Amino acid sequence: MNSAYAGGYKYDYTGKPSLNTDYITEYKAETKNGVQTVTFKINPKAKFNDGTPIDIESVRAAHRIFTAPAGEYQVTDAPMWKQVKSVEENGDKFSVKVTMEKPYYPIDGGFVISTFIHPALVDKKLFNDGLVDKPLDKYWAGPFKVENWDVSQNSLILTRNDKWWGRSLCWRKSLFVLWVRQPLWQHSRTAKLT
């Protein structure tokens, strides 16, 4: 669904991760003199469905949401984000440098998984309530878009996204049956492909 949320890495059939260049073209984590930094370059072609670029602002949105005081945003605890000292441009808006307060392990790949959140979602009301029973895929990014959302059947049909910039996929359409009624952003953990 929203592959920008977890799109920086892809996994092969054995579970081996590799960089997903549809979103990230470079990634480096290092610790020097006790200071851990992560630098990565976002693919400049990457955009949310409404045309908003996936850039440093989407990383800053994730940082703001995951480090807000408990209860402000309906999210699970994100210990990695709570150790972030700064998120800054590293040359341009597609090059990001994250500096940690103290080293966090394992850090490899950590900032390209659950890192890109549409900047509009820093609005707490929109984030917490705006996607309940309506997917609003303009805030998503990835190879699929919503074709049909049926609340009464708890079903979501996704079809190919004509704005997708990345490699082509073999799937044309997917049907998800959602087992639990909860905010849509939580459904990625409870969706069943049928």
C-alpha atoms as a PDB file:
ATOM      1  CA  MET A   1       0.000   0.000   0.000  1.00  0.00           C
ATOM      2  CA  ASN A   2       2.135   2.927   1.199  1.00  0.00           C
ATOM      3  CA  SER A   3       5.534   1.648   0.248  1.00  0.00           C
ATOM      4  CA  ALA A   4       7.075   5.008   1.153  1.00  0.00           C
ATOM      5  CA  TYR A   5       6.534   4.049   4.759  1.00  0.00           C
ATOM      6  CA  ALA A   6       8.750   0.986   4.459  1.00  0.00           C
ATOM      7  CA  GLY A   7      10.195   1.362   1.003  1.00  0.00           C
ATOM      8  CA  GLY A   8      13.895   2.082   1.474  1.00  0.00           C
ATOM      9  CA  TYR A   9      14.753  -1.588   1.637  1.00  0.00           C
ATOM     10  CA  LYS A  10      13.407  -4.576  -0.222  1.00  0.00           C
ATOM     11  CA  TYR A  11      13.754  -8.227   0.677  1.00  0.00           C
ATOM     12  CA  ASP A  12      14.311 -11.265  -1.491  1.00  0.00           C
ATOM     13  CA  TYR A  13      12.585 -14.606  -0.998  1.00  0.00           C
ATOM     14  CA  THR A  14      15.166 -15.629   1.645  1.00  0.00           C
ATOM     15  CA  GLY A  15      14.644 -12.443   3.662  1.00  0.00           C
ATOM     16  CA  LYS A  16      17.949 -10.880   2.608  1.00  0.00           C
ATOM     17  CA  PRO A  17      17.626  -7.062   2.505  1.00  0.00           C
ATOM     18  CA  SER A  18      18.954  -4.786  -0.204  1.00  0.00           C
ATOM     19  CA  LEU A  19      18.560  -1.098  -0.973  1.00  0.00           C
ATOM     20  CA  ASN A  20      15.367  -0.249  -2.847  1.00  0.00           C
ATOM     21  CA  THR A  21      16.663   2.270  -5.388  1.00  0.00           C
ATOM     22  CA  ASP A  22      13.090   3.298  -6.245  1.00  0.00           C
ATOM     23  CA  TYR A  23      13.376   5.300  -2.999  1.00  0.00           C
ATOM     24  CA  ILE A  24      17.007   5.387  -1.825  1.00  0.00           C
ATOM     25  CA  THR A  25      20.060   5.559  -4.075  1.00  0.00           C
ATOM     26  CA  GLU A  26      22.752   5.617  -1.361  1.00  0.00           C
ATOM     27  CA  TYR A  27      22.890   4.731   2.332  1.00  0.00           C
ATOM     28  CA  LYS A  28      25.770   4.876   4.799  1.00  0.00           C
ATOM     29  CA  ALA A  29      25.842   4.485   8.569  1.00  0.00           C
ATOM     30  CA  GLU A  30      29.037   5.096  10.504  1.00  0.00           C
ATOM     31  CA  THR A  31      30.332   5.861  13.985  1.00  0.00           C
ATOM     32  CA  LYS A  32      33.384   8.095  14.389  1.00  0.00           C
ATOM     33  CA  ASN A  33      34.712   9.257  17.749  1.00  0.00           C
ATOM     34  CA  GLY A  34      31.529   7.994  19.402  1.00  0.00           C
ATOM     35  CA  VAL A  35      29.216  10.010  17.102  1.00  0.00           C
ATOM     36  CA  GLN A  36      26.923   7.954  14.915  1.00  0.00           C
ATOM     37  CA  THR A  37      25.630   9.399  11.665  1.00  0.00           C
ATOM     38  CA  VAL A  38      23.475   8.055   8.881  1.00  0.00           C
ATOM     39  CA  THR A  39      23.541   9.636   5.451  1.00  0.00           C
ATOM     40  CA  PHE A  40      21.294   8.680   2.579  1.00  0.00           C
ATOM     41  CA  LYS A  41      20.163  10.005  -0.772  1.00  0.00           C
ATOM     42  CA  ILE A  42      16.514   9.899  -1.729  1.00  0.00           C
ATOM     43  CA  ASN A  43      15.658   9.180  -5.351  1.00  0.00           C
ATOM     44  CA  PRO A  44      14.615  12.610  -6.729  1.00  0.00           C
ATOM     45  CA  LYS A  45      11.895  10.912  -8.822  1.00  0.00           C
ATOM     46  CA  ALA A  46      10.143   9.705  -5.644  1.00  0.00           C
ATOM     47  CA  LYS A  47       6.899  11.529  -4.925  1.00  0.00           C
ATOM     48  CA  PHE A  48       3.771  11.053  -2.878  1.00  0.00           C
ATOM     49  CA  ASN A  49       0.620  10.488  -4.941  1.00  0.00           C
ATOM     50  CA  ASP A  50      -0.383  14.151  -4.657  1.00  0.00           C
ATOM     51  CA  GLY A  51       2.936  15.214  -6.253  1.00  0.00           C
ATOM     52  CA  THR A  52       4.681  16.257  -3.012  1.00  0.00           C
ATOM     53  CA  PRO A  53       8.341  15.234  -3.290  1.00  0.00           C
ATOM     54  CA  ILE A  54       9.711  12.603  -0.952  1.00  0.00           C
ATOM     55  CA  ASP A  55      12.610  14.593   0.454  1.00  0.00           C
ATOM     56  CA  ILE A  56      14.047  15.815   3.740  1.00  0.00           C
ATOM     57  CA  GLU A  57      10.660  17.259   4.751  1.00  0.00           C
ATOM     58  CA  SER A  58       9.138  13.762   4.777  1.00  0.00           C
ATOM     59  CA  VAL A  59      12.017  12.601   7.007  1.00  0.00           C
ATOM     60  CA  ARG A  60      11.501  15.596   9.303  1.00  0.00           C
ATOM     61  CA  ALA A  61       7.789  14.744   9.452  1.00  0.00           C
ATOM     62  CA  ALA A  62       8.652  11.206  10.584  1.00  0.00           C
ATOM     63  CA  HIS A  63      11.062  12.582  13.187  1.00  0.00           C
ATOM     64  CA  ARG A  64       8.453  14.982  14.543  1.00  0.00           C
ATOM     65  CA  ILE A  65       5.730  12.332  14.699  1.00  0.00           C
ATOM     66  CA  PHE A  66       7.857   9.576  16.248  1.00  0.00           C
ATOM     67  CA  THR A  67       9.405  11.866  18.894  1.00  0.00           C
ATOM     68  CA  ALA A  68       6.268  13.732  19.959  1.00  0.00           C
ATOM     69  CA  PRO A  69       5.195  13.326  23.590  1.00  0.00           C
ATOM     70  CA  ALA A  70       3.206  10.152  24.242  1.00  0.00           C
ATOM     71  CA  GLY A  71      -0.388  10.388  23.110  1.00  0.00           C
ATOM     72  CA  GLU A  72      -0.030  13.243  20.615  1.00  0.00           C
ATOM     73  CA  TYR A  73       0.154  10.869  17.656  1.00  0.00           C
ATOM     74  CA  GLN A  74      -1.287   7.367  17.635  1.00  0.00           C
ATOM     75  CA  VAL A  75       1.957   5.516  16.900  1.00  0.00           C
ATOM     76  CA  THR A  76       3.892   2.709  18.471  1.00  0.00           C
ATOM     77  CA  ASP A  77       7.082   3.479  20.365  1.00  0.00           C
ATOM     78  CA  ALA A  78      10.055   4.254  18.102  1.00  0.00           C
ATOM     79  CA  PRO A  79      13.238   4.032  20.211  1.00  0.00           C
ATOM     80  CA  MET A  80      15.537   4.707  17.246  1.00  0.00           C
ATOM     81  CA  TRP A  81      13.865   8.033  16.488  1.00  0.00           C
ATOM     82  CA  LYS A  82      14.027   9.094  20.133  1.00  0.00           C
ATOM     83  CA  GLN A  83      17.824   8.965  19.954  1.00  0.00           C
ATOM     84  CA  VAL A  84      18.038  11.335  16.972  1.00  0.00           C
ATOM     85  CA  LYS A  85      19.904  14.556  17.705  1.00  0.00           C
ATOM     86  CA  SER A  86      19.364  16.201  14.309  1.00  0.00           C
ATOM     87  CA  VAL A  87      18.001  15.708  10.792  1.00  0.00           C
ATOM     88  CA  GLU A  88      19.628  18.018   8.268  1.00  0.00           C
ATOM     89  CA  GLU A  89      20.207  18.535   4.574  1.00  0.00           C
ATOM     90  CA  ASN A  90      23.483  17.152   3.330  1.00  0.00           C
ATOM     91  CA  GLY A  91      23.920  19.186   0.147  1.00  0.00           C
ATOM     92  CA  ASP A  92      20.345  19.298  -1.182  1.00  0.00           C
ATOM     93  CA  LYS A  93      16.809  18.383  -0.124  1.00  0.00           C
ATOM     94  CA  PHE A  94      17.231  14.787  -1.332  1.00  0.00           C
ATOM     95  CA  SER A  95      20.427  14.183   0.662  1.00  0.00           C
ATOM     96  CA  VAL A  96      19.841  13.613   4.370  1.00  0.00           C
ATOM     97  CA  LYS A  97      22.180  13.409   7.342  1.00  0.00           C
ATOM     98  CA  VAL A  98      20.884  12.071  10.650  1.00  0.00           C
ATOM     99  CA  THR A  99      23.058  12.498  13.736  1.00  0.00           C
ATOM    100  CA  MET A 100      22.328  10.383  16.792  1.00  0.00           C
ATOM    101  CA  GLU A 101      22.513  11.504  20.445  1.00  0.00           C
ATOM    102  CA  LYS A 102      24.177   8.181  21.187  1.00  0.00           C
ATOM    103  CA  PRO A 103      24.845   5.162  18.961  1.00  0.00           C
ATOM    104  CA  TYR A 104      21.837   2.990  18.181  1.00  0.00           C
ATOM    105  CA  TYR A 105      22.223  -0.609  17.044  1.00  0.00           C
ATOM    106  CA  PRO A 106      21.418  -2.119  14.659  1.00  0.00           C
ATOM    107  CA  ILE A 107      21.369   1.081  12.603  1.00  0.00           C
ATOM    108  CA  ASP A 108      21.900  -0.380   9.125  1.00  0.00           C
ATOM    109  CA  GLY A 109      18.806   0.383   7.114  1.00  0.00           C
ATOM    110  CA  GLY A 110      17.013   1.880  10.090  1.00  0.00           C
ATOM    111  CA  PHE A 111      16.423   5.295   8.582  1.00  0.00           C
ATOM    112  CA  VAL A 112      15.053   4.091   5.317  1.00  0.00           C
ATOM    113  CA  ILE A 113      12.447   1.888   6.968  1.00  0.00           C
ATOM    114  CA  SER A 114       9.528   3.911   8.392  1.00  0.00           C
ATOM    115  CA  THR A 115      11.146   7.175   7.390  1.00  0.00           C
ATOM    116  CA  PHE A 116       9.023   8.820   4.714  1.00  0.00           C
ATOM    117  CA  ILE A 117       5.801  10.319   6.005  1.00  0.00           C
ATOM    118  CA  HIS A 118       3.850  12.893   4.017  1.00  0.00           C
ATOM    119  CA  PRO A 119       4.523  16.310   5.596  1.00  0.00           C
ATOM    120  CA  ALA A 120       0.777  17.057   5.764  1.00  0.00           C
ATOM    121  CA  LEU A 121       0.436  14.249   8.315  1.00  0.00           C
ATOM    122  CA  VAL A 122       2.209  16.266  11.022  1.00  0.00           C
ATOM    123  CA  ASP A 123      -1.271  17.707  11.539  1.00  0.00           C
ATOM    124  CA  LYS A 124      -2.295  15.643  14.575  1.00  0.00           C
ATOM    125  CA  LYS A 125      -5.996  15.576  13.760  1.00  0.00           C
ATOM    126  CA  LEU A 126      -5.326  14.433  10.193  1.00  0.00           C
ATOM    127  CA  PHE A 127      -2.777  11.834  11.345  1.00  0.00           C
ATOM    128  CA  ASN A 128      -4.893  10.412  14.173  1.00  0.00           C
ATOM    129  CA  ASP A 129      -8.402  10.692  12.726  1.00  0.00           C
ATOM    130  CA  GLY A 130      -8.219  11.737   9.071  1.00  0.00           C
ATOM    131  CA  LEU A 131      -7.536   8.303   7.619  1.00  0.00           C
ATOM    132  CA  VAL A 132     -10.049   6.351   9.699  1.00  0.00           C
ATOM    133  CA  ASP A 133     -12.369   4.558   7.275  1.00  0.00           C
ATOM    134  CA  LYS A 134     -10.966   6.495   4.311  1.00  0.00           C
ATOM    135  CA  PRO A 135      -7.584   5.668   2.831  1.00  0.00           C
ATOM    136  CA  LEU A 136      -6.807   9.113   1.267  1.00  0.00           C
ATOM    137  CA  ASP A 137      -4.071   7.670  -0.897  1.00  0.00           C
ATOM    138  CA  LYS A 138      -2.883  11.128  -1.910  1.00  0.00           C
ATOM    139  CA  TYR A 139      -0.643  10.834   1.169  1.00  0.00           C
ATOM    140  CA  TRP A 140       0.741   7.486   0.006  1.00  0.00           C
ATOM    141  CA  ALA A 141       3.503   6.674  -2.427  1.00  0.00           C
ATOM    142  CA  GLY A 142       4.244   3.528  -4.283  1.00  0.00           C
ATOM    143  CA  PRO A 143       3.234   1.272  -7.132  1.00  0.00           C
ATOM    144  CA  PHE A 144      -0.420   0.958  -6.055  1.00  0.00           C
ATOM    145  CA  LYS A 145      -3.325   3.324  -5.480  1.00  0.00           C
ATOM    146  CA  VAL A 146      -6.790   2.804  -4.043  1.00  0.00           C
ATOM    147  CA  GLU A 147      -9.366   1.591  -6.519  1.00  0.00           C
ATOM    148  CA  ASN A 148     -12.105   0.844  -4.015  1.00  0.00           C
ATOM    149  CA  TRP A 149     -12.482   1.019  -0.239  1.00  0.00           C
ATOM    150  CA  ASP A 150     -15.593  -0.685   1.119  1.00  0.00           C
ATOM    151  CA  VAL A 151     -16.045  -0.010   4.842  1.00  0.00           C
ATOM    152  CA  SER A 152     -19.017  -2.358   5.125  1.00  0.00           C
ATOM    153  CA  GLN A 153     -16.960  -5.283   3.769  1.00  0.00           C
ATOM    154  CA  ASN A 154     -13.659  -4.169   5.329  1.00  0.00           C
ATOM    155  CA  SER A 155     -12.065  -4.578   1.919  1.00  0.00           C
ATOM    156  CA  LEU A 156      -9.535  -2.499   0.088  1.00  0.00           C
ATOM    157  CA  ILE A 157      -8.786  -2.988  -3.605  1.00  0.00           C
ATOM    158  CA  LEU A 158      -5.530  -1.564  -4.889  1.00  0.00           C
ATOM    159  CA  THR A 159      -4.616  -1.116  -8.532  1.00  0.00           C
ATOM    160  CA  ARG A 160      -1.482   0.062 -10.322  1.00  0.00           C
ATOM    161  CA  ASN A 161      -0.522   3.657  -9.659  1.00  0.00           C
ATOM    162  CA  ASP A 162      -0.114   5.601 -12.909  1.00  0.00           C
ATOM    163  CA  LYS A 163       2.186   8.058 -11.072  1.00  0.00           C
ATOM    164  CA  TRP A 164       4.630   5.323 -10.004  1.00  0.00           C
ATOM    165  CA  TRP A 165       8.179   6.236 -11.016  1.00  0.00           C
ATOM    166  CA  GLY A 166       9.921   2.971 -10.142  1.00  0.00           C
ATOM    167  CA  ARG A 167      10.432  -0.415 -11.716  1.00  0.00           C
ATOM    168  CA  SER A 168       7.314  -2.072 -13.069  1.00  0.00           C
ATOM    169  CA  LEU A 169       5.601  -4.791 -11.106  1.00  0.00           C
ATOM    170  CA  CYS A 170       3.826  -7.897 -12.315  1.00  0.00           C
ATOM    171  CA  TRP A 171       0.731  -7.411 -10.107  1.00  0.00           C
ATOM    172  CA  ARG A 172      -2.136  -5.501 -11.597  1.00  0.00           C
ATOM    173  CA  LYS A 173      -4.575  -5.545  -8.703  1.00  0.00           C
ATOM    174  CA  SER A 174      -4.667  -6.652  -5.070  1.00  0.00           C
ATOM    175  CA  LEU A 175      -7.545  -7.213  -2.685  1.00  0.00           C
ATOM    176  CA  PHE A 176      -6.960  -6.792   1.029  1.00  0.00           C
ATOM    177  CA  VAL A 177      -9.493  -7.949   3.592  1.00  0.00           C
ATOM    178  CA  LEU A 178      -9.009  -6.003   6.784  1.00  0.00           C
ATOM    179  CA  TRP A 179      -9.677  -8.036   9.893  1.00  0.00           C
ATOM    180  CA  VAL A 180      -9.650  -5.332  12.535  1.00  0.00           C
ATOM    181  CA  ARG A 181     -11.379  -1.959  12.532  1.00  0.00           C
ATOM    182  CA  GLN A 182      -8.725   0.576  13.471  1.00  0.00           C
ATOM    183  CA  PRO A 183      -7.085   3.628  11.885  1.00  0.00           C
ATOM    184  CA  LEU A 184      -5.989   2.758   8.346  1.00  0.00           C
ATOM    185  CA  TRP A 185      -2.294   3.448   8.993  1.00  0.00           C
ATOM    186  CA  GLN A 186      -2.325   0.492  11.405  1.00  0.00           C
ATOM    187  CA  HIS A 187      -3.837  -1.928   8.860  1.00  0.00           C
ATOM    188  CA  SER A 188      -0.507  -2.809   7.275  1.00  0.00           C
ATOM    189  CA  ARG A 189      -0.005  -5.148  10.234  1.00  0.00           C
ATOM    190  CA  THR A 190      -3.451  -6.748   9.892  1.00  0.00           C
ATOM    191  CA  ALA A 191      -4.057  -6.979   6.159  1.00  0.00           C
ATOM    192  CA  LYS A 192      -4.507 -10.307   4.423  1.00  0.00           C
ATOM    193  CA  LEU A 193      -3.945 -10.689   0.698  1.00  0.00           C
ATOM    194  CA  THR A 194      -6.636 -12.837  -0.827  1.00  0.00           C
END
